[in-house]
């Protein structure tokens, strides 16, 4: 059980890069960085706990060379994952490197063989020209000092910034995917939507949600027009010809595919018409009926997202858009 948590935190520490790190220039160690990082780590462990039961607590502002400590207990076996946070101001200290080394040694001595991982999060500005070169040299020195030390990980500013910017929704999806690699329901749901554009998927998810949570077996097209989730999705996704969403970028003439900029209502009608080939029936009174038996895996995932995470309608539908992702032309 500890192994899964160790791997999950390592995964999120390098989840994504952010090129812009200027924000670190003004963030303070105690008042800004430690609380924000502690909240993110707590979010990871609490979400993981929805899949695997583990006793944990997360403490901040420790004295043994550590700013944040995760204590994981399972079957009377307790392990620790520790985090040392270095702000832009911390690196101004002439003795920053000896201090970091001493703090790492303190942590190793304090937790011994019960220490799973020790993270040094370097939160300095590598974007601003006046500090970029100096901070880059300091980062390299820190990395060189620990690059051969097992279970000590130096996390670069771009990845720390990426970690801080992970949304709770992205975290939910990533953890579910990590814990459900062999989930047949996810695979079956992907098979349903694999040939659908982002807007077609959004409509199918919306109709499924209306059926299962609102009891709407027949949905008026007029109501679809004014749903916030649907409107936001159509704003995000450009009005390209349907073929564009399934063509390799390197194998088509870009001039042949342009944003047609049609009104959302017209695009919705066209997408509903395509879905009527399989998943819905269009009725004469401008309404839609979902063929529920053909989308049962999607229904299952909607229920899972809503119940497990207590999502509202918009959050649940956006959760599905990310979970079953792989969509060209959709900007999360």
C-alpha atoms as a PDB file:
ATOM      1  CA  UNK A   1       0.000   0.000   0.000  1.00  0.00           C
ATOM      2  CA  UNK A   2       2.858   2.384   0.800  1.00  0.00           C
ATOM      3  CA  UNK A   3       4.357   1.594  -2.599  1.00  0.00           C
ATOM      4  CA  UNK A   4       1.264   2.881  -4.428  1.00  0.00           C
ATOM      5  CA  UNK A   5       1.276   6.139  -2.495  1.00  0.00           C
ATOM      6  CA  UNK A   6       5.002   6.589  -3.082  1.00  0.00           C
ATOM      7  CA  UNK A   7       4.535   6.107  -6.831  1.00  0.00           C
ATOM      8  CA  UNK A   8       1.504   8.376  -6.970  1.00  0.00           C
ATOM      9  CA  UNK A   9       3.210  11.329  -5.304  1.00  0.00           C
ATOM     10  CA  UNK A  10       6.259  10.870  -7.525  1.00  0.00           C
ATOM     11  CA  UNK A  11       3.952  10.903 -10.552  1.00  0.00           C
ATOM     12  CA  UNK A  12       2.282  14.175  -9.540  1.00  0.00           C
ATOM     13  CA  UNK A  13       5.576  15.847  -8.709  1.00  0.00           C
ATOM     14  CA  UNK A  14       6.441  15.551 -12.396  1.00  0.00           C
ATOM     15  CA  UNK A  15       2.909  15.742 -13.770  1.00  0.00           C
ATOM     16  CA  UNK A  16       3.471  18.751 -16.010  1.00  0.00           C
ATOM     17  CA  UNK A  17       5.865  21.616 -16.662  1.00  0.00           C
ATOM     18  CA  UNK A  18       5.038  25.317 -16.525  1.00  0.00           C
ATOM     19  CA  UNK A  19       7.382  27.559 -18.498  1.00  0.00           C
ATOM     20  CA  UNK A  20       6.472  30.634 -16.460  1.00  0.00           C
ATOM     21  CA  UNK A  21       7.971  30.678 -12.948  1.00  0.00           C
ATOM     22  CA  UNK A  22       7.990  34.430 -12.235  1.00  0.00           C
ATOM     23  CA  UNK A  23       5.393  33.933  -9.497  1.00  0.00           C
ATOM     24  CA  UNK A  24       8.023  32.262  -7.334  1.00  0.00           C
ATOM     25  CA  UNK A  25       9.946  35.538  -7.096  1.00  0.00           C
ATOM     26  CA  UNK A  26       7.458  36.948  -4.584  1.00  0.00           C
ATOM     27  CA  UNK A  27       6.129  33.801  -2.869  1.00  0.00           C
ATOM     28  CA  UNK A  28       7.320  33.403   0.703  1.00  0.00           C
ATOM     29  CA  UNK A  29       8.392  30.138   2.308  1.00  0.00           C
ATOM     30  CA  UNK A  30       6.136  30.076   5.379  1.00  0.00           C
ATOM     31  CA  UNK A  31       3.143  32.161   4.352  1.00  0.00           C
ATOM     32  CA  UNK A  32       2.747  31.010   0.736  1.00  0.00           C
ATOM     33  CA  UNK A  33       4.656  27.938  -0.382  1.00  0.00           C
ATOM     34  CA  UNK A  34       4.381  25.604   2.599  1.00  0.00           C
ATOM     35  CA  UNK A  35       0.600  25.980   3.027  1.00  0.00           C
ATOM     36  CA  UNK A  36      -0.134  25.663  -0.706  1.00  0.00           C
ATOM     37  CA  UNK A  37       2.042  22.599  -1.174  1.00  0.00           C
ATOM     38  CA  UNK A  38       0.646  20.982   1.976  1.00  0.00           C
ATOM     39  CA  UNK A  39      -2.915  21.444   0.664  1.00  0.00           C
ATOM     40  CA  UNK A  40      -2.017  19.858  -2.691  1.00  0.00           C
ATOM     41  CA  UNK A  41      -0.350  16.866  -1.059  1.00  0.00           C
ATOM     42  CA  UNK A  42      -3.297  16.399   1.272  1.00  0.00           C
ATOM     43  CA  UNK A  43      -5.602  16.445  -1.768  1.00  0.00           C
ATOM     44  CA  UNK A  44      -3.615  13.633  -3.415  1.00  0.00           C
ATOM     45  CA  UNK A  45      -3.668  11.377  -0.369  1.00  0.00           C
ATOM     46  CA  UNK A  46      -7.338  11.989   0.412  1.00  0.00           C
ATOM     47  CA  UNK A  47      -8.355  11.224  -3.171  1.00  0.00           C
ATOM     48  CA  UNK A  48      -6.245   8.065  -3.159  1.00  0.00           C
ATOM     49  CA  UNK A  49      -8.004   7.061   0.044  1.00  0.00           C
ATOM     50  CA  UNK A  50     -11.253   6.741  -1.936  1.00  0.00           C
ATOM     51  CA  UNK A  51      -9.728   3.718  -3.685  1.00  0.00           C
ATOM     52  CA  UNK A  52      -7.464   2.213  -1.023  1.00  0.00           C
ATOM     53  CA  UNK A  53      -7.975   2.640   2.713  1.00  0.00           C
ATOM     54  CA  UNK A  54      -4.889   3.962   4.439  1.00  0.00           C
ATOM     55  CA  UNK A  55      -4.454   5.927   7.663  1.00  0.00           C
ATOM     56  CA  UNK A  56      -2.529   9.142   7.139  1.00  0.00           C
ATOM     57  CA  UNK A  57      -1.877  12.626   8.385  1.00  0.00           C
ATOM     58  CA  UNK A  58       0.061  15.515   6.909  1.00  0.00           C
ATOM     59  CA  UNK A  59       2.019  17.871   9.090  1.00  0.00           C
ATOM     60  CA  UNK A  60       3.747  21.124   8.279  1.00  0.00           C
ATOM     61  CA  UNK A  61       6.664  23.179   9.538  1.00  0.00           C
ATOM     62  CA  UNK A  62       8.751  20.402  11.046  1.00  0.00           C
ATOM     63  CA  UNK A  63      12.181  20.926  12.579  1.00  0.00           C
ATOM     64  CA  UNK A  64      14.073  17.886  11.310  1.00  0.00           C
ATOM     65  CA  UNK A  65      15.040  19.403   7.969  1.00  0.00           C
ATOM     66  CA  UNK A  66      11.519  18.996   6.638  1.00  0.00           C
ATOM     67  CA  UNK A  67       8.685  21.423   5.891  1.00  0.00           C
ATOM     68  CA  UNK A  68       5.901  18.949   5.150  1.00  0.00           C
ATOM     69  CA  UNK A  69       5.660  15.359   6.404  1.00  0.00           C
ATOM     70  CA  UNK A  70       3.222  12.728   5.142  1.00  0.00           C
ATOM     71  CA  UNK A  71       2.766   9.888   7.643  1.00  0.00           C
ATOM     72  CA  UNK A  72       1.268   6.733   6.113  1.00  0.00           C
ATOM     73  CA  UNK A  73       0.109   3.857   8.320  1.00  0.00           C
ATOM     74  CA  UNK A  74      -1.076   0.491   7.054  1.00  0.00           C
ATOM     75  CA  UNK A  75      -1.348  -2.699   9.107  1.00  0.00           C
ATOM     76  CA  UNK A  76       0.765  -1.295  11.973  1.00  0.00           C
ATOM     77  CA  UNK A  77       3.503  -0.285   9.542  1.00  0.00           C
ATOM     78  CA  UNK A  78       4.273   3.439   9.338  1.00  0.00           C
ATOM     79  CA  UNK A  79       6.256   5.137   6.595  1.00  0.00           C
ATOM     80  CA  UNK A  80       7.034   8.763   5.805  1.00  0.00           C
ATOM     81  CA  UNK A  81       7.378  10.973   2.735  1.00  0.00           C
ATOM     82  CA  UNK A  82       9.045  14.301   3.457  1.00  0.00           C
ATOM     83  CA  UNK A  83       9.285  17.589   1.603  1.00  0.00           C
ATOM     84  CA  UNK A  84      11.813  20.383   1.948  1.00  0.00           C
ATOM     85  CA  UNK A  85      10.749  23.610   0.226  1.00  0.00           C
ATOM     86  CA  UNK A  86      13.225  26.196  -0.969  1.00  0.00           C
ATOM     87  CA  UNK A  87      11.894  29.632  -1.875  1.00  0.00           C
ATOM     88  CA  UNK A  88      13.504  32.265  -4.055  1.00  0.00           C
ATOM     89  CA  UNK A  89      14.605  34.088  -0.887  1.00  0.00           C
ATOM     90  CA  UNK A  90      16.074  30.893   0.608  1.00  0.00           C
ATOM     91  CA  UNK A  91      18.498  30.626  -2.308  1.00  0.00           C
ATOM     92  CA  UNK A  92      19.827  34.125  -1.614  1.00  0.00           C
ATOM     93  CA  UNK A  93      21.579  32.746   1.475  1.00  0.00           C
ATOM     94  CA  UNK A  94      25.295  32.297   0.748  1.00  0.00           C
ATOM     95  CA  UNK A  95      25.187  28.961   2.568  1.00  0.00           C
ATOM     96  CA  UNK A  96      22.054  27.669   0.834  1.00  0.00           C
ATOM     97  CA  UNK A  97      23.700  24.435  -0.387  1.00  0.00           C
ATOM     98  CA  UNK A  98      25.304  23.346   2.927  1.00  0.00           C
ATOM     99  CA  UNK A  99      21.969  24.063   4.644  1.00  0.00           C
ATOM    100  CA  UNK A 100      20.028  21.934   2.160  1.00  0.00           C
ATOM    101  CA  UNK A 101      22.515  19.084   2.622  1.00  0.00           C
ATOM    102  CA  UNK A 102      22.315  19.355   6.410  1.00  0.00           C
ATOM    103  CA  UNK A 103      18.512  19.378   6.331  1.00  0.00           C
ATOM    104  CA  UNK A 104      18.435  16.287   4.122  1.00  0.00           C
ATOM    105  CA  UNK A 105      20.794  14.514   6.522  1.00  0.00           C
ATOM    106  CA  UNK A 106      18.648  15.534   9.516  1.00  0.00           C
ATOM    107  CA  UNK A 107      15.586  14.036   7.855  1.00  0.00           C
ATOM    108  CA  UNK A 108      17.372  10.798   6.982  1.00  0.00           C
ATOM    109  CA  UNK A 109      18.616  10.472  10.549  1.00  0.00           C
ATOM    110  CA  UNK A 110      15.191  11.237  12.019  1.00  0.00           C
ATOM    111  CA  UNK A 111      13.171   8.746   9.962  1.00  0.00           C
ATOM    112  CA  UNK A 112      15.799   6.174   9.009  1.00  0.00           C
ATOM    113  CA  UNK A 113      14.523   3.161   7.076  1.00  0.00           C
ATOM    114  CA  UNK A 114      10.930   4.386   7.463  1.00  0.00           C
ATOM    115  CA  UNK A 115      11.603   7.250   5.048  1.00  0.00           C
ATOM    116  CA  UNK A 116      10.117   6.345   1.668  1.00  0.00           C
ATOM    117  CA  UNK A 117      11.108   9.487  -0.231  1.00  0.00           C
ATOM    118  CA  UNK A 118      12.540  12.915   0.425  1.00  0.00           C
ATOM    119  CA  UNK A 119      11.676  15.749  -1.947  1.00  0.00           C
ATOM    120  CA  UNK A 120      13.529  19.004  -2.315  1.00  0.00           C
ATOM    121  CA  UNK A 121      11.146  21.403  -4.049  1.00  0.00           C
ATOM    122  CA  UNK A 122      13.101  24.272  -5.585  1.00  0.00           C
ATOM    123  CA  UNK A 123      10.681  27.183  -5.861  1.00  0.00           C
ATOM    124  CA  UNK A 124      12.823  29.863  -7.443  1.00  0.00           C
ATOM    125  CA  UNK A 125      12.205  32.154 -10.400  1.00  0.00           C
ATOM    126  CA  UNK A 126      13.870  30.925 -13.599  1.00  0.00           C
ATOM    127  CA  UNK A 127      11.992  33.304 -15.884  1.00  0.00           C
ATOM    128  CA  UNK A 128      13.005  36.845 -14.905  1.00  0.00           C
ATOM    129  CA  UNK A 129      16.220  37.931 -16.575  1.00  0.00           C
ATOM    130  CA  UNK A 130      17.681  39.512 -13.439  1.00  0.00           C
ATOM    131  CA  UNK A 131      17.735  36.211 -11.506  1.00  0.00           C
ATOM    132  CA  UNK A 132      17.484  33.537 -14.185  1.00  0.00           C
ATOM    133  CA  UNK A 133      21.199  32.812 -14.614  1.00  0.00           C
ATOM    134  CA  UNK A 134      22.016  32.851 -10.905  1.00  0.00           C
ATOM    135  CA  UNK A 135      19.082  30.649  -9.937  1.00  0.00           C
ATOM    136  CA  UNK A 136      19.754  28.216 -12.766  1.00  0.00           C
ATOM    137  CA  UNK A 137      23.328  27.730 -11.515  1.00  0.00           C
ATOM    138  CA  UNK A 138      22.060  27.147  -7.971  1.00  0.00           C
ATOM    139  CA  UNK A 139      19.495  24.636  -9.204  1.00  0.00           C
ATOM    140  CA  UNK A 140      22.219  22.704 -11.038  1.00  0.00           C
ATOM    141  CA  UNK A 141      24.376  22.645  -7.902  1.00  0.00           C
ATOM    142  CA  UNK A 142      21.490  21.275  -5.835  1.00  0.00           C
ATOM    143  CA  UNK A 143      20.742  18.611  -8.441  1.00  0.00           C
ATOM    144  CA  UNK A 144      24.410  17.625  -8.655  1.00  0.00           C
ATOM    145  CA  UNK A 145      24.596  17.253  -4.874  1.00  0.00           C
ATOM    146  CA  UNK A 146      21.807  14.666  -4.795  1.00  0.00           C
ATOM    147  CA  UNK A 147      21.729  13.030  -8.216  1.00  0.00           C
ATOM    148  CA  UNK A 148      23.223   9.782  -6.896  1.00  0.00           C
ATOM    149  CA  UNK A 149      21.360   9.680  -3.586  1.00  0.00           C
ATOM    150  CA  UNK A 150      18.618   7.064  -3.558  1.00  0.00           C
ATOM    151  CA  UNK A 151      15.108   8.283  -2.762  1.00  0.00           C
ATOM    152  CA  UNK A 152      16.044  11.970  -2.683  1.00  0.00           C
ATOM    153  CA  UNK A 153      14.353  13.849  -5.511  1.00  0.00           C
ATOM    154  CA  UNK A 154      15.107  17.427  -6.531  1.00  0.00           C
ATOM    155  CA  UNK A 155      12.044  18.903  -8.244  1.00  0.00           C
ATOM    156  CA  UNK A 156      12.722  21.799 -10.603  1.00  0.00           C
ATOM    157  CA  UNK A 157      10.721  25.051 -10.391  1.00  0.00           C
ATOM    158  CA  UNK A 158       8.833  24.401 -13.629  1.00  0.00           C
ATOM    159  CA  UNK A 159       7.513  21.121 -12.246  1.00  0.00           C
ATOM    160  CA  UNK A 160       6.707  22.588  -8.824  1.00  0.00           C
ATOM    161  CA  UNK A 161       4.697  25.320 -10.550  1.00  0.00           C
ATOM    162  CA  UNK A 162       2.964  22.659 -12.623  1.00  0.00           C
ATOM    163  CA  UNK A 163       2.180  20.745  -9.428  1.00  0.00           C
ATOM    164  CA  UNK A 164       0.624  23.831  -7.841  1.00  0.00           C
ATOM    165  CA  UNK A 165      -1.532  24.406 -10.910  1.00  0.00           C
ATOM    166  CA  UNK A 166      -2.991  20.889 -11.152  1.00  0.00           C
ATOM    167  CA  UNK A 167      -6.748  21.227 -10.800  1.00  0.00           C
ATOM    168  CA  UNK A 168      -8.660  19.010  -8.401  1.00  0.00           C
ATOM    169  CA  UNK A 169     -10.537  17.617 -11.395  1.00  0.00           C
ATOM    170  CA  UNK A 170      -7.316  16.680 -13.219  1.00  0.00           C
ATOM    171  CA  UNK A 171      -6.093  15.054 -10.029  1.00  0.00           C
ATOM    172  CA  UNK A 172      -9.261  12.969  -9.691  1.00  0.00           C
ATOM    173  CA  UNK A 173      -8.969  11.744 -13.272  1.00  0.00           C
ATOM    174  CA  UNK A 174      -5.259  10.965 -13.018  1.00  0.00           C
ATOM    175  CA  UNK A 175      -5.696   8.981  -9.805  1.00  0.00           C
ATOM    176  CA  UNK A 176      -8.650   7.045 -11.208  1.00  0.00           C
ATOM    177  CA  UNK A 177      -6.610   6.166 -14.286  1.00  0.00           C
ATOM    178  CA  UNK A 178      -3.654   5.116 -12.156  1.00  0.00           C
ATOM    179  CA  UNK A 179      -5.822   2.943  -9.948  1.00  0.00           C
ATOM    180  CA  UNK A 180      -7.979   1.568 -12.781  1.00  0.00           C
ATOM    181  CA  UNK A 181      -5.577   0.712 -15.596  1.00  0.00           C
ATOM    182  CA  UNK A 182      -7.498  -2.480 -16.290  1.00  0.00           C
ATOM    183  CA  UNK A 183     -10.963  -1.017 -15.733  1.00  0.00           C
ATOM    184  CA  UNK A 184     -13.151  -2.612 -18.387  1.00  0.00           C
ATOM    185  CA  UNK A 185     -15.799   0.087 -17.953  1.00  0.00           C
ATOM    186  CA  UNK A 186     -13.367   2.834 -18.952  1.00  0.00           C
ATOM    187  CA  UNK A 187     -12.217   0.797 -21.945  1.00  0.00           C
ATOM    188  CA  UNK A 188     -15.797   0.190 -23.055  1.00  0.00           C
ATOM    189  CA  UNK A 189     -16.659   3.871 -22.651  1.00  0.00           C
ATOM    190  CA  UNK A 190     -13.639   4.864 -24.750  1.00  0.00           C
ATOM    191  CA  UNK A 191     -14.800   2.448 -27.446  1.00  0.00           C
ATOM    192  CA  UNK A 192     -18.105   4.319 -27.573  1.00  0.00           C
ATOM    193  CA  UNK A 193     -16.616   7.805 -27.967  1.00  0.00           C
ATOM    194  CA  UNK A 194     -13.398   7.069 -29.864  1.00  0.00           C
ATOM    195  CA  UNK A 195     -14.919   8.170 -33.184  1.00  0.00           C
ATOM    196  CA  UNK A 196     -16.753  11.207 -31.798  1.00  0.00           C
ATOM    197  CA  UNK A 197     -15.599  14.826 -31.922  1.00  0.00           C
ATOM    198  CA  UNK A 198     -15.282  16.751 -28.645  1.00  0.00           C
ATOM    199  CA  UNK A 199     -18.643  18.477 -29.138  1.00  0.00           C
ATOM    200  CA  UNK A 200     -20.383  15.214 -30.036  1.00  0.00           C
ATOM    201  CA  UNK A 201     -18.969  13.664 -26.872  1.00  0.00           C
ATOM    202  CA  UNK A 202     -20.139  16.621 -24.813  1.00  0.00           C
ATOM    203  CA  UNK A 203     -23.680  16.185 -26.106  1.00  0.00           C
ATOM    204  CA  UNK A 204     -23.664  12.453 -25.379  1.00  0.00           C
ATOM    205  CA  UNK A 205     -22.397  13.027 -21.832  1.00  0.00           C
ATOM    206  CA  UNK A 206     -24.969  15.757 -21.249  1.00  0.00           C
ATOM    207  CA  UNK A 207     -27.858  13.606 -22.474  1.00  0.00           C
ATOM    208  CA  UNK A 208     -26.644  10.693 -20.349  1.00  0.00           C
ATOM    209  CA  UNK A 209     -26.459  12.889 -17.245  1.00  0.00           C
ATOM    210  CA  UNK A 210     -29.946  14.264 -17.868  1.00  0.00           C
ATOM    211  CA  UNK A 211     -31.310  10.748 -18.139  1.00  0.00           C
ATOM    212  CA  UNK A 212     -29.688   9.289 -15.052  1.00  0.00           C
ATOM    213  CA  UNK A 213     -29.856  12.239 -12.628  1.00  0.00           C
ATOM    214  CA  UNK A 214     -32.746  14.366 -13.874  1.00  0.00           C
ATOM    215  CA  UNK A 215     -34.973  11.552 -15.072  1.00  0.00           C
ATOM    216  CA  UNK A 216     -35.345  13.245 -18.454  1.00  0.00           C
ATOM    217  CA  UNK A 217     -36.016  10.497 -20.959  1.00  0.00           C
ATOM    218  CA  UNK A 218     -37.062  13.066 -23.556  1.00  0.00           C
ATOM    219  CA  UNK A 219     -34.947  16.223 -23.761  1.00  0.00           C
ATOM    220  CA  UNK A 220     -35.940  19.323 -25.680  1.00  0.00           C
ATOM    221  CA  UNK A 221     -33.277  20.565 -28.085  1.00  0.00           C
ATOM    222  CA  UNK A 222     -34.035  24.102 -26.938  1.00  0.00           C
ATOM    223  CA  UNK A 223     -32.816  23.149 -23.433  1.00  0.00           C
ATOM    224  CA  UNK A 224     -29.564  21.828 -24.880  1.00  0.00           C
ATOM    225  CA  UNK A 225     -28.874  25.194 -26.532  1.00  0.00           C
ATOM    226  CA  UNK A 226     -28.727  27.013 -23.206  1.00  0.00           C
ATOM    227  CA  UNK A 227     -26.867  24.533 -21.028  1.00  0.00           C
ATOM    228  CA  UNK A 228     -23.687  26.153 -19.641  1.00  0.00           C
ATOM    229  CA  UNK A 229     -21.500  23.068 -20.108  1.00  0.00           C
ATOM    230  CA  UNK A 230     -22.605  22.656 -23.724  1.00  0.00           C
ATOM    231  CA  UNK A 231     -22.107  26.361 -24.518  1.00  0.00           C
ATOM    232  CA  UNK A 232     -18.648  26.411 -22.941  1.00  0.00           C
ATOM    233  CA  UNK A 233     -17.590  23.314 -24.877  1.00  0.00           C
ATOM    234  CA  UNK A 234     -18.660  24.766 -28.205  1.00  0.00           C
ATOM    235  CA  UNK A 235     -16.760  27.951 -27.414  1.00  0.00           C
ATOM    236  CA  UNK A 236     -13.594  25.928 -26.701  1.00  0.00           C
ATOM    237  CA  UNK A 237     -13.823  23.757 -29.815  1.00  0.00           C
ATOM    238  CA  UNK A 238     -13.382  25.499 -33.157  1.00  0.00           C
ATOM    239  CA  UNK A 239     -15.905  24.896 -35.911  1.00  0.00           C
ATOM    240  CA  UNK A 240     -13.754  22.764 -38.202  1.00  0.00           C
ATOM    241  CA  UNK A 241     -15.093  20.170 -40.581  1.00  0.00           C
ATOM    242  CA  UNK A 242     -15.676  16.898 -38.788  1.00  0.00           C
ATOM    243  CA  UNK A 243     -12.850  15.163 -40.686  1.00  0.00           C
ATOM    244  CA  UNK A 244     -10.282  17.548 -39.185  1.00  0.00           C
ATOM    245  CA  UNK A 245     -10.642  15.992 -35.725  1.00  0.00           C
ATOM    246  CA  UNK A 246      -9.438  12.600 -36.989  1.00  0.00           C
ATOM    247  CA  UNK A 247      -6.668  13.578 -39.416  1.00  0.00           C
ATOM    248  CA  UNK A 248      -2.991  13.532 -38.519  1.00  0.00           C
ATOM    249  CA  UNK A 249      -1.696  17.114 -38.423  1.00  0.00           C
ATOM    250  CA  UNK A 250       1.208  16.131 -40.653  1.00  0.00           C
ATOM    251  CA  UNK A 251      -0.983  14.617 -43.342  1.00  0.00           C
ATOM    252  CA  UNK A 252      -3.431  17.319 -44.347  1.00  0.00           C
ATOM    253  CA  UNK A 253      -3.450  20.651 -46.109  1.00  0.00           C
ATOM    254  CA  UNK A 254      -4.114  23.212 -43.394  1.00  0.00           C
ATOM    255  CA  UNK A 255      -5.673  25.647 -45.834  1.00  0.00           C
ATOM    256  CA  UNK A 256      -8.390  23.088 -46.546  1.00  0.00           C
ATOM    257  CA  UNK A 257      -9.723  23.235 -42.989  1.00  0.00           C
ATOM    258  CA  UNK A 258     -10.854  26.574 -41.612  1.00  0.00           C
ATOM    259  CA  UNK A 259     -13.011  27.621 -38.685  1.00  0.00           C
ATOM    260  CA  UNK A 260     -16.465  28.075 -40.225  1.00  0.00           C
ATOM    261  CA  UNK A 261     -17.593  30.155 -37.228  1.00  0.00           C
ATOM    262  CA  UNK A 262     -21.188  28.982 -37.420  1.00  0.00           C
ATOM    263  CA  UNK A 263     -23.625  29.701 -34.625  1.00  0.00           C
ATOM    264  CA  UNK A 264     -23.663  27.208 -31.788  1.00  0.00           C
ATOM    265  CA  UNK A 265     -27.275  26.177 -32.464  1.00  0.00           C
ATOM    266  CA  UNK A 266     -26.448  25.170 -36.015  1.00  0.00           C
ATOM    267  CA  UNK A 267     -23.434  23.137 -34.847  1.00  0.00           C
ATOM    268  CA  UNK A 268     -25.506  21.386 -32.175  1.00  0.00           C
ATOM    269  CA  UNK A 269     -28.132  20.365 -34.735  1.00  0.00           C
ATOM    270  CA  UNK A 270     -25.439  18.893 -36.993  1.00  0.00           C
ATOM    271  CA  UNK A 271     -23.830  16.998 -34.094  1.00  0.00           C
ATOM    272  CA  UNK A 272     -27.181  15.643 -32.923  1.00  0.00           C
ATOM    273  CA  UNK A 273     -27.895  14.488 -36.445  1.00  0.00           C
ATOM    274  CA  UNK A 274     -24.622  12.523 -36.445  1.00  0.00           C
ATOM    275  CA  UNK A 275     -25.358  10.988 -33.038  1.00  0.00           C
ATOM    276  CA  UNK A 276     -28.773   9.891 -34.307  1.00  0.00           C
ATOM    277  CA  UNK A 277     -26.993   7.259 -36.390  1.00  0.00           C
ATOM    278  CA  UNK A 278     -26.335   5.265 -33.213  1.00  0.00           C
ATOM    279  CA  UNK A 279     -26.962   6.762 -29.798  1.00  0.00           C
ATOM    280  CA  UNK A 280     -30.049   8.969 -29.944  1.00  0.00           C
ATOM    281  CA  UNK A 281     -33.389   9.321 -31.701  1.00  0.00           C
ATOM    282  CA  UNK A 282     -34.540  12.713 -32.974  1.00  0.00           C
ATOM    283  CA  UNK A 283     -38.279  13.228 -32.534  1.00  0.00           C
ATOM    284  CA  UNK A 284     -40.600  15.418 -34.592  1.00  0.00           C
ATOM    285  CA  UNK A 285     -41.281  17.828 -31.704  1.00  0.00           C
ATOM    286  CA  UNK A 286     -37.614  18.998 -31.632  1.00  0.00           C
ATOM    287  CA  UNK A 287     -36.660  16.686 -28.830  1.00  0.00           C
ATOM    288  CA  UNK A 288     -34.142  13.907 -28.273  1.00  0.00           C
ATOM    289  CA  UNK A 289     -34.351  10.410 -26.782  1.00  0.00           C
ATOM    290  CA  UNK A 290     -31.169   8.686 -25.612  1.00  0.00           C
ATOM    291  CA  UNK A 291     -30.660   5.006 -26.459  1.00  0.00           C
ATOM    292  CA  UNK A 292     -29.636   4.221 -22.906  1.00  0.00           C
ATOM    293  CA  UNK A 293     -28.618   0.604 -23.499  1.00  0.00           C
ATOM    294  CA  UNK A 294     -25.869   1.731 -25.883  1.00  0.00           C
ATOM    295  CA  UNK A 295     -24.170   4.070 -23.386  1.00  0.00           C
ATOM    296  CA  UNK A 296     -24.236   2.065 -20.141  1.00  0.00           C
ATOM    297  CA  UNK A 297     -20.435   2.360 -19.582  1.00  0.00           C
ATOM    298  CA  UNK A 298     -20.752   6.155 -19.781  1.00  0.00           C
ATOM    299  CA  UNK A 299     -23.641   6.058 -17.323  1.00  0.00           C
ATOM    300  CA  UNK A 300     -21.479   4.033 -14.924  1.00  0.00           C
ATOM    301  CA  UNK A 301     -18.667   6.577 -15.071  1.00  0.00           C
ATOM    302  CA  UNK A 302     -21.078   9.466 -14.550  1.00  0.00           C
ATOM    303  CA  UNK A 303     -22.404   7.773 -11.431  1.00  0.00           C
ATOM    304  CA  UNK A 304     -18.870   7.064 -10.212  1.00  0.00           C
ATOM    305  CA  UNK A 305     -17.719  10.663 -10.686  1.00  0.00           C
ATOM    306  CA  UNK A 306     -20.799  12.156  -9.114  1.00  0.00           C
ATOM    307  CA  UNK A 307     -21.000   9.830  -6.108  1.00  0.00           C
ATOM    308  CA  UNK A 308     -17.294   9.267  -5.392  1.00  0.00           C
ATOM    309  CA  UNK A 309     -16.333  12.946  -5.718  1.00  0.00           C
ATOM    310  CA  UNK A 310     -19.670  14.633  -4.977  1.00  0.00           C
ATOM    311  CA  UNK A 311     -19.484  16.547  -8.262  1.00  0.00           C
ATOM    312  CA  UNK A 312     -22.283  18.751  -9.532  1.00  0.00           C
ATOM    313  CA  UNK A 313     -23.502  18.487 -13.135  1.00  0.00           C
ATOM    314  CA  UNK A 314     -20.857  20.684 -14.764  1.00  0.00           C
ATOM    315  CA  UNK A 315     -18.016  19.108 -12.779  1.00  0.00           C
ATOM    316  CA  UNK A 316     -19.188  15.599 -13.627  1.00  0.00           C
ATOM    317  CA  UNK A 317     -19.385  16.340 -17.346  1.00  0.00           C
ATOM    318  CA  UNK A 318     -15.984  18.030 -17.422  1.00  0.00           C
ATOM    319  CA  UNK A 319     -14.602  15.048 -15.484  1.00  0.00           C
ATOM    320  CA  UNK A 320     -15.754  12.756 -18.297  1.00  0.00           C
ATOM    321  CA  UNK A 321     -14.261  15.017 -20.958  1.00  0.00           C
ATOM    322  CA  UNK A 322     -10.861  14.629 -19.300  1.00  0.00           C
ATOM    323  CA  UNK A 323     -11.193  10.996 -18.212  1.00  0.00           C
ATOM    324  CA  UNK A 324     -12.012   9.697 -21.679  1.00  0.00           C
ATOM    325  CA  UNK A 325      -9.749  12.341 -23.305  1.00  0.00           C
ATOM    326  CA  UNK A 326      -7.503  11.926 -26.316  1.00  0.00           C
ATOM    327  CA  UNK A 327      -9.452  14.583 -28.220  1.00  0.00           C
ATOM    328  CA  UNK A 328      -7.879  16.701 -30.892  1.00  0.00           C
ATOM    329  CA  UNK A 329      -9.166  20.254 -30.811  1.00  0.00           C
ATOM    330  CA  UNK A 330     -10.296  20.281 -27.176  1.00  0.00           C
ATOM    331  CA  UNK A 331      -8.481  22.604 -24.793  1.00  0.00           C
ATOM    332  CA  UNK A 332      -8.816  21.515 -21.155  1.00  0.00           C
END
